[in-house]
Amino acid sequence: MNEYIILLGITCFAAGFIIAFWLKGKMLSQRIKTAEGEASRILEESKRKAETLIK
């Protein structure tokens, strides 16, 4: 009985580790997409301002 509890604990720990690793990757991916979107928005805005100043 005691071996099953230890095995269950190890299994739950491994599952938790895998889920945490997956969630961290998903969150980092979302942060990268957000940063890329913000960078392109800033770039487009600066291009428009440069065009306005040139004219």
Protein backbone atom coordinates (compact mmCIF):
# COMPACT_ATOMS: atom_id res chain seq x y z
CA MET A 1 0.00 0.00 0.00
CA ASN A 2 2.82 2.37 0.88
CA GLU A 3 4.52 1.71 -2.47
CA TYR A 4 1.37 2.78 -4.32
CA ILE A 5 1.27 6.08 -2.47
CA ILE A 6 4.91 6.76 -3.32
CA LEU A 7 4.34 5.78 -6.97
CA LEU A 8 1.24 7.99 -7.11
CA GLY A 9 3.20 10.90 -5.64
CA ILE A 10 5.99 10.52 -8.17
CA THR A 11 3.48 10.25 -11.02
CA CYS A 12 1.61 13.37 -9.89
CA PHE A 13 4.88 15.26 -9.53
CA ALA A 14 5.93 14.28 -13.06
CA ALA A 15 2.51 15.22 -14.47
CA GLY A 16 2.64 18.57 -12.69
CA PHE A 17 6.13 19.22 -14.01
CA ILE A 18 5.07 18.42 -17.58
CA ILE A 19 1.96 20.61 -17.34
CA ALA A 20 3.98 23.50 -15.89
CA PHE A 21 6.59 23.19 -18.63
CA TRP A 22 3.86 23.18 -21.31
CA LEU A 23 2.10 26.20 -19.80
CA LYS A 24 5.35 28.13 -19.51
CA GLY A 25 6.08 27.51 -23.19
CA LYS A 26 2.59 28.59 -24.16
CA MET A 27 2.82 31.78 -22.09
CA LEU A 28 6.24 32.65 -23.52
CA SER A 29 4.94 32.13 -27.02
CA GLN A 30 2.06 34.50 -26.32
CA ARG A 31 4.43 37.13 -24.88
CA ILE A 32 6.63 36.91 -27.98
CA LYS A 33 3.63 37.35 -30.29
CA THR A 34 2.49 40.37 -28.27
CA ALA A 35 5.96 41.93 -28.37
CA GLU A 36 6.23 41.37 -32.13
CA GLY A 37 2.84 42.99 -32.67
CA GLU A 38 3.82 45.97 -30.55
CA ALA A 39 7.13 46.32 -32.41
CA SER A 40 5.43 46.29 -35.80
CA ARG A 41 2.87 48.84 -34.59
CA ILE A 42 5.64 51.15 -33.37
CA LEU A 43 7.54 50.71 -36.63
CA GLU A 44 4.50 51.57 -38.74
CA GLU A 45 3.75 54.59 -36.58
CA SER A 46 7.32 55.86 -36.90
CA LYS A 47 7.21 55.39 -40.69
CA ARG A 48 4.03 57.46 -40.88
CA LYS A 49 5.57 60.20 -38.73
CA ALA A 50 8.71 60.20 -40.89
CA GLU A 51 6.61 60.55 -44.05
CA THR A 52 4.74 63.45 -42.47
CA LEU A 53 7.97 65.20 -41.50
CA ILE A 54 9.52 64.71 -44.95
CA LYS A 55 6.55 66.33 -46.69
